Amino acid sequence: MTAFVYLGCWFLMAGIVYYFVGFETRGKSIEQIDKELADGLNMSAARVRQA
């Protein structure tokens, strides 16, 4: 019983993280998603270099 509660807590935490961090991919091709992620990484790198 305790193991199921422990596992359930991990699933709950994973769901909460996915809700806040996950992004919608419906209707997008893999190439579009890859480009958006690459653009986001490039913007993050640019901000780090400016600091």
C-alpha atoms as a PDB file:
ATOM      1  CA  MET A   1       0.000   0.000   0.000  1.00  0.00           C
ATOM      2  CA  THR A   2       2.755   2.438   0.929  1.00  0.00           C
ATOM      3  CA  ALA A   3       4.544   1.785  -2.364  1.00  0.00           C
ATOM      4  CA  PHE A   4       1.411   2.734  -4.323  1.00  0.00           C
ATOM      5  CA  VAL A   5       1.092   6.007  -2.420  1.00  0.00           C
ATOM      6  CA  TYR A   6       4.776   6.738  -3.077  1.00  0.00           C
ATOM      7  CA  LEU A   7       4.362   5.984  -6.799  1.00  0.00           C
ATOM      8  CA  GLY A   8       1.174   8.055  -6.921  1.00  0.00           C
ATOM      9  CA  CYS A   9       2.997  11.048  -5.419  1.00  0.00           C
ATOM     10  CA  TRP A  10       5.667  10.822  -8.125  1.00  0.00           C
ATOM     11  CA  PHE A  11       2.997  10.696 -10.840  1.00  0.00           C
ATOM     12  CA  LEU A  12       1.280  13.708  -9.296  1.00  0.00           C
ATOM     13  CA  MET A  13       4.521  15.696  -9.187  1.00  0.00           C
ATOM     14  CA  ALA A  14       5.317  14.739 -12.794  1.00  0.00           C
ATOM     15  CA  GLY A  15       1.852  15.902 -13.856  1.00  0.00           C
ATOM     16  CA  ILE A  16       2.284  19.247 -12.127  1.00  0.00           C
ATOM     17  CA  VAL A  17       5.676  19.803 -13.771  1.00  0.00           C
ATOM     18  CA  TYR A  18       4.280  18.836 -17.174  1.00  0.00           C
ATOM     19  CA  TYR A  19       1.352  21.237 -16.711  1.00  0.00           C
ATOM     20  CA  PHE A  20       3.678  24.199 -16.107  1.00  0.00           C
ATOM     21  CA  VAL A  21       6.676  23.272 -18.293  1.00  0.00           C
ATOM     22  CA  GLY A  22       5.162  21.245 -21.146  1.00  0.00           C
ATOM     23  CA  PHE A  23       4.273  22.875 -24.427  1.00  0.00           C
ATOM     24  CA  GLU A  24       1.597  22.187 -27.034  1.00  0.00           C
ATOM     25  CA  THR A  25       2.733  20.238 -30.099  1.00  0.00           C
ATOM     26  CA  ARG A  26      -0.619  19.597 -31.785  1.00  0.00           C
ATOM     27  CA  GLY A  27      -0.624  20.617 -35.441  1.00  0.00           C
ATOM     28  CA  LYS A  28       3.131  21.242 -35.581  1.00  0.00           C
ATOM     29  CA  SER A  29       5.664  19.219 -37.518  1.00  0.00           C
ATOM     30  CA  ILE A  30       8.819  17.926 -35.926  1.00  0.00           C
ATOM     31  CA  GLU A  31      10.784  20.441 -37.994  1.00  0.00           C
ATOM     32  CA  GLN A  32       8.699  23.361 -36.655  1.00  0.00           C
ATOM     33  CA  ILE A  33       9.131  22.195 -33.071  1.00  0.00           C
ATOM     34  CA  ASP A  34      12.875  21.727 -33.583  1.00  0.00           C
ATOM     35  CA  LYS A  35      13.192  25.236 -35.057  1.00  0.00           C
ATOM     36  CA  GLU A  36      11.246  26.805 -32.164  1.00  0.00           C
ATOM     37  CA  LEU A  37      13.388  25.000 -29.596  1.00  0.00           C
ATOM     38  CA  ALA A  38      16.601  25.980 -31.400  1.00  0.00           C
ATOM     39  CA  ASP A  39      15.466  29.620 -31.595  1.00  0.00           C
ATOM     40  CA  GLY A  40      14.691  29.566 -27.876  1.00  0.00           C
ATOM     41  CA  LEU A  41      18.123  28.161 -27.085  1.00  0.00           C
ATOM     42  CA  ASN A  42      19.789  30.798 -29.237  1.00  0.00           C
ATOM     43  CA  MET A  43      17.903  33.548 -27.401  1.00  0.00           C
ATOM     44  CA  SER A  44      18.958  32.112 -24.031  1.00  0.00           C
ATOM     45  CA  ALA A  45      22.586  32.000 -25.139  1.00  0.00           C
ATOM     46  CA  ALA A  46      22.370  35.610 -26.343  1.00  0.00           C
ATOM     47  CA  ARG A  47      21.027  36.738 -22.950  1.00  0.00           C
ATOM     48  CA  VAL A  48      23.841  34.920 -21.152  1.00  0.00           C
ATOM     49  CA  ARG A  49      26.474  36.569 -23.348  1.00  0.00           C
ATOM     50  CA  GLN A  50      25.022  40.040 -22.686  1.00  0.00           C
ATOM     51  CA  ALA A  51      25.155  39.612 -18.918  1.00  0.00           C
END
